[in-house]
N, C-alpha and C. Protein backbone atom coordinates (compact mmCIF):
# COMPACT_ATOMS: atom_id res chain seq x y z
N UNK A 1 -88.95 -12.90 21.61
CA UNK A 1 -88.44 -11.67 22.18
C UNK A 1 -89.33 -10.51 21.76
N UNK A 2 -89.30 -10.19 20.47
CA UNK A 2 -90.11 -9.09 19.96
C UNK A 2 -90.37 -9.31 18.48
N UNK A 3 -91.46 -8.79 18.00
CA UNK A 3 -91.77 -8.91 16.58
C UNK A 3 -91.62 -7.57 15.88
N UNK A 4 -90.87 -6.69 16.47
CA UNK A 4 -90.65 -5.36 15.90
C UNK A 4 -89.85 -5.47 14.60
N UNK A 5 -89.95 -4.44 13.78
CA UNK A 5 -89.30 -4.42 12.48
C UNK A 5 -87.78 -4.56 12.58
N UNK A 6 -87.18 -3.93 13.57
CA UNK A 6 -85.72 -3.93 13.70
C UNK A 6 -85.31 -4.77 14.91
N UNK A 7 -85.51 -6.06 14.83
CA UNK A 7 -85.23 -6.98 15.93
C UNK A 7 -83.81 -6.87 16.45
N UNK A 8 -82.85 -6.57 15.59
CA UNK A 8 -81.45 -6.53 16.01
C UNK A 8 -81.16 -5.41 17.02
N UNK A 9 -82.08 -4.48 17.19
CA UNK A 9 -81.89 -3.42 18.18
C UNK A 9 -82.31 -3.84 19.58
N UNK A 10 -82.95 -4.99 19.70
CA UNK A 10 -83.48 -5.43 20.98
C UNK A 10 -82.69 -6.62 21.50
N UNK A 11 -82.32 -6.58 22.78
CA UNK A 11 -81.59 -7.66 23.42
C UNK A 11 -82.37 -8.11 24.64
N UNK A 12 -82.42 -9.41 24.84
CA UNK A 12 -83.09 -9.95 26.02
C UNK A 12 -82.17 -9.80 27.22
N UNK A 13 -82.59 -9.00 28.17
CA UNK A 13 -81.81 -8.80 29.39
C UNK A 13 -82.61 -9.24 30.62
N UNK A 14 -83.62 -10.07 30.39
CA UNK A 14 -84.49 -10.49 31.49
C UNK A 14 -83.74 -11.29 32.56
N UNK A 15 -82.63 -11.89 32.19
CA UNK A 15 -81.84 -12.67 33.15
C UNK A 15 -80.90 -11.80 33.99
N UNK A 16 -80.87 -10.51 33.72
CA UNK A 16 -79.97 -9.60 34.43
C UNK A 16 -80.74 -8.75 35.43
N UNK A 17 -80.14 -8.50 36.56
CA UNK A 17 -80.73 -7.63 37.57
C UNK A 17 -80.64 -6.18 37.14
N UNK A 18 -79.50 -5.79 36.56
CA UNK A 18 -79.30 -4.44 36.05
C UNK A 18 -78.24 -4.52 34.94
N UNK A 19 -78.16 -3.47 34.17
CA UNK A 19 -77.12 -3.39 33.13
C UNK A 19 -76.41 -2.05 33.26
N UNK A 20 -75.17 -2.05 32.81
CA UNK A 20 -74.40 -0.81 32.76
C UNK A 20 -73.84 -0.66 31.35
N UNK A 21 -73.09 0.38 31.14
CA UNK A 21 -72.57 0.66 29.80
C UNK A 21 -71.70 -0.50 29.29
N UNK A 22 -70.96 -1.14 30.19
CA UNK A 22 -70.10 -2.24 29.77
C UNK A 22 -70.91 -3.44 29.29
N UNK A 23 -72.05 -3.68 29.95
CA UNK A 23 -72.93 -4.78 29.51
C UNK A 23 -73.55 -4.44 28.15
N UNK A 24 -73.92 -3.18 27.96
CA UNK A 24 -74.48 -2.77 26.67
C UNK A 24 -73.46 -2.99 25.56
N UNK A 25 -72.22 -2.59 25.81
CA UNK A 25 -71.17 -2.79 24.81
C UNK A 25 -71.00 -4.27 24.49
N UNK A 26 -71.05 -5.09 25.52
CA UNK A 26 -70.91 -6.54 25.33
C UNK A 26 -72.11 -7.11 24.56
N UNK A 27 -73.31 -6.71 24.95
CA UNK A 27 -74.52 -7.22 24.29
C UNK A 27 -74.54 -6.91 22.79
N UNK A 28 -73.98 -5.77 22.43
CA UNK A 28 -73.98 -5.36 21.03
C UNK A 28 -72.64 -5.63 20.33
N UNK A 29 -71.77 -6.38 21.00
CA UNK A 29 -70.49 -6.78 20.41
C UNK A 29 -69.67 -5.60 19.89
N UNK A 30 -69.63 -4.55 20.69
CA UNK A 30 -68.82 -3.38 20.35
C UNK A 30 -67.42 -3.65 20.90
N UNK A 31 -66.47 -3.94 20.03
CA UNK A 31 -65.15 -4.34 20.46
C UNK A 31 -64.06 -3.29 20.22
N UNK A 32 -64.31 -2.34 19.37
CA UNK A 32 -63.30 -1.32 19.06
C UNK A 32 -63.22 -0.31 20.20
N UNK A 33 -62.01 -0.06 20.72
CA UNK A 33 -61.89 0.85 21.87
C UNK A 33 -62.32 2.29 21.58
N UNK A 34 -62.11 2.77 20.38
CA UNK A 34 -62.53 4.14 20.05
C UNK A 34 -64.05 4.25 20.06
N UNK A 35 -64.70 3.27 19.48
CA UNK A 35 -66.17 3.28 19.44
C UNK A 35 -66.73 3.06 20.84
N UNK A 36 -66.11 2.18 21.61
CA UNK A 36 -66.55 1.96 23.00
C UNK A 36 -66.49 3.27 23.78
N UNK A 37 -65.40 3.99 23.65
CA UNK A 37 -65.23 5.23 24.38
C UNK A 37 -66.29 6.26 23.97
N UNK A 38 -66.54 6.37 22.68
CA UNK A 38 -67.54 7.33 22.20
C UNK A 38 -68.93 6.97 22.73
N UNK A 39 -69.27 5.69 22.69
CA UNK A 39 -70.59 5.26 23.18
C UNK A 39 -70.73 5.56 24.67
N UNK A 40 -69.70 5.27 25.44
CA UNK A 40 -69.75 5.56 26.88
C UNK A 40 -69.98 7.04 27.11
N UNK A 41 -69.28 7.89 26.36
CA UNK A 41 -69.45 9.34 26.50
C UNK A 41 -70.88 9.76 26.16
N UNK A 42 -71.42 9.19 25.09
CA UNK A 42 -72.75 9.58 24.63
C UNK A 42 -73.87 9.08 25.55
N UNK A 43 -73.70 7.89 26.10
CA UNK A 43 -74.75 7.34 26.96
C UNK A 43 -74.96 8.16 28.22
N UNK A 44 -73.91 8.78 28.72
CA UNK A 44 -74.04 9.55 29.96
C UNK A 44 -73.61 11.01 29.76
N UNK A 45 -73.75 11.49 28.56
CA UNK A 45 -73.30 12.85 28.24
C UNK A 45 -73.87 13.88 29.21
N UNK A 46 -72.95 14.54 29.89
CA UNK A 46 -73.32 15.60 30.82
C UNK A 46 -73.92 15.14 32.12
N UNK A 47 -73.98 13.84 32.35
CA UNK A 47 -74.70 13.36 33.53
C UNK A 47 -73.90 12.56 34.52
N UNK A 48 -72.59 12.65 34.48
CA UNK A 48 -71.78 11.85 35.40
C UNK A 48 -71.33 12.62 36.62
N UNK A 49 -71.57 13.89 36.66
CA UNK A 49 -71.14 14.67 37.80
C UNK A 49 -69.64 14.84 37.88
N UNK A 50 -68.96 14.69 36.77
CA UNK A 50 -67.50 14.80 36.76
C UNK A 50 -67.05 16.20 36.36
N UNK A 51 -67.97 17.14 36.40
CA UNK A 51 -67.63 18.51 36.06
C UNK A 51 -67.62 18.79 34.57
N UNK A 52 -68.04 17.81 33.77
CA UNK A 52 -68.09 18.01 32.31
C UNK A 52 -69.54 18.19 31.89
N UNK A 53 -69.76 19.20 31.06
CA UNK A 53 -71.11 19.41 30.56
C UNK A 53 -71.34 18.52 29.33
N UNK A 54 -72.55 18.51 28.86
CA UNK A 54 -72.91 17.65 27.73
C UNK A 54 -72.07 17.98 26.49
N UNK A 55 -71.80 19.25 26.28
CA UNK A 55 -71.02 19.66 25.11
C UNK A 55 -69.61 19.07 25.15
N UNK A 56 -69.00 19.05 26.32
CA UNK A 56 -67.65 18.49 26.46
C UNK A 56 -67.67 16.99 26.16
N UNK A 57 -68.66 16.29 26.71
CA UNK A 57 -68.76 14.85 26.45
C UNK A 57 -69.00 14.57 24.96
N UNK A 58 -69.82 15.35 24.32
CA UNK A 58 -70.06 15.18 22.89
C UNK A 58 -68.78 15.43 22.10
N UNK A 59 -68.06 16.49 22.46
CA UNK A 59 -66.79 16.79 21.79
C UNK A 59 -65.80 15.63 21.95
N UNK A 60 -65.73 15.06 23.14
CA UNK A 60 -64.81 13.95 23.39
C UNK A 60 -65.22 12.70 22.62
N UNK A 61 -66.53 12.48 22.46
CA UNK A 61 -67.01 11.35 21.66
C UNK A 61 -66.61 11.55 20.19
N UNK A 62 -66.74 12.77 19.71
CA UNK A 62 -66.37 13.08 18.32
C UNK A 62 -64.88 12.85 18.11
N UNK A 63 -64.06 13.25 19.06
CA UNK A 63 -62.61 13.03 18.96
C UNK A 63 -62.32 11.53 18.87
N UNK A 64 -62.99 10.74 19.68
CA UNK A 64 -62.79 9.29 19.63
C UNK A 64 -63.19 8.71 18.28
N UNK A 65 -64.29 9.18 17.73
CA UNK A 65 -64.75 8.68 16.43
C UNK A 65 -63.85 9.15 15.30
N UNK A 66 -63.31 10.36 15.42
CA UNK A 66 -62.35 10.83 14.42
C UNK A 66 -61.09 9.97 14.46
N UNK A 67 -60.67 9.59 15.65
CA UNK A 67 -59.49 8.72 15.76
C UNK A 67 -59.78 7.36 15.13
N UNK A 68 -61.00 6.86 15.31
CA UNK A 68 -61.38 5.60 14.67
C UNK A 68 -61.23 5.72 13.15
N UNK A 69 -61.69 6.83 12.59
CA UNK A 69 -61.57 7.04 11.15
C UNK A 69 -60.11 7.11 10.72
N UNK A 70 -59.29 7.80 11.50
CA UNK A 70 -57.87 7.86 11.19
C UNK A 70 -57.25 6.47 11.19
N UNK A 71 -57.62 5.68 12.16
CA UNK A 71 -57.06 4.33 12.25
C UNK A 71 -57.48 3.48 11.06
N UNK A 72 -58.69 3.70 10.55
CA UNK A 72 -59.13 2.97 9.36
C UNK A 72 -58.29 3.39 8.16
N UNK A 73 -58.01 4.69 8.05
CA UNK A 73 -57.17 5.18 6.96
C UNK A 73 -55.76 4.60 7.05
N UNK A 74 -55.27 4.44 8.28
CA UNK A 74 -53.93 3.90 8.48
C UNK A 74 -53.81 2.45 7.99
N UNK A 75 -54.92 1.79 7.87
CA UNK A 75 -54.92 0.39 7.40
C UNK A 75 -54.83 0.27 5.89
N UNK A 76 -55.04 1.38 5.18
CA UNK A 76 -55.05 1.33 3.72
C UNK A 76 -53.63 1.35 3.18
N UNK A 77 -53.39 0.64 2.08
CA UNK A 77 -52.05 0.59 1.49
C UNK A 77 -51.50 1.97 1.13
N UNK A 78 -52.35 2.91 0.74
CA UNK A 78 -51.89 4.24 0.35
C UNK A 78 -51.28 4.98 1.53
N UNK A 79 -51.69 4.65 2.74
CA UNK A 79 -51.20 5.34 3.92
C UNK A 79 -49.85 4.79 4.37
N UNK A 80 -49.63 3.53 4.13
CA UNK A 80 -48.41 2.87 4.63
C UNK A 80 -47.19 3.48 3.95
N UNK A 81 -46.26 3.95 4.76
CA UNK A 81 -45.04 4.57 4.26
C UNK A 81 -43.99 3.48 4.05
N UNK A 82 -43.41 3.48 2.90
CA UNK A 82 -42.35 2.52 2.63
C UNK A 82 -41.02 3.24 2.62
N UNK A 83 -39.98 2.53 2.99
CA UNK A 83 -38.65 3.13 2.99
C UNK A 83 -37.76 2.35 2.04
N UNK A 84 -36.82 3.06 1.43
CA UNK A 84 -35.85 2.43 0.54
C UNK A 84 -34.50 2.37 1.22
N UNK A 85 -33.80 1.32 0.94
CA UNK A 85 -32.43 1.24 1.44
C UNK A 85 -31.58 2.18 0.61
N UNK A 86 -30.73 2.91 1.26
CA UNK A 86 -29.87 3.89 0.56
C UNK A 86 -28.55 3.28 0.22
């Protein structure tokens, strides 16, 4: 494929006619929905013709990544709220 220093950044897509953001996510095994959403926003930031400028897309990607961080915190034992029977 390639002898570049960072081989893991390169994927063989020679068998594909074209790729889209969903294929990129699949090729790189991006499975988390928050990260998927942020990547989609960043790949086409300001360029989808949906009336959103690049700044809006970047802000929305940041919100998705912040939610990912919150969800990681929610997995920690310190975050889990316990209740006592009264």
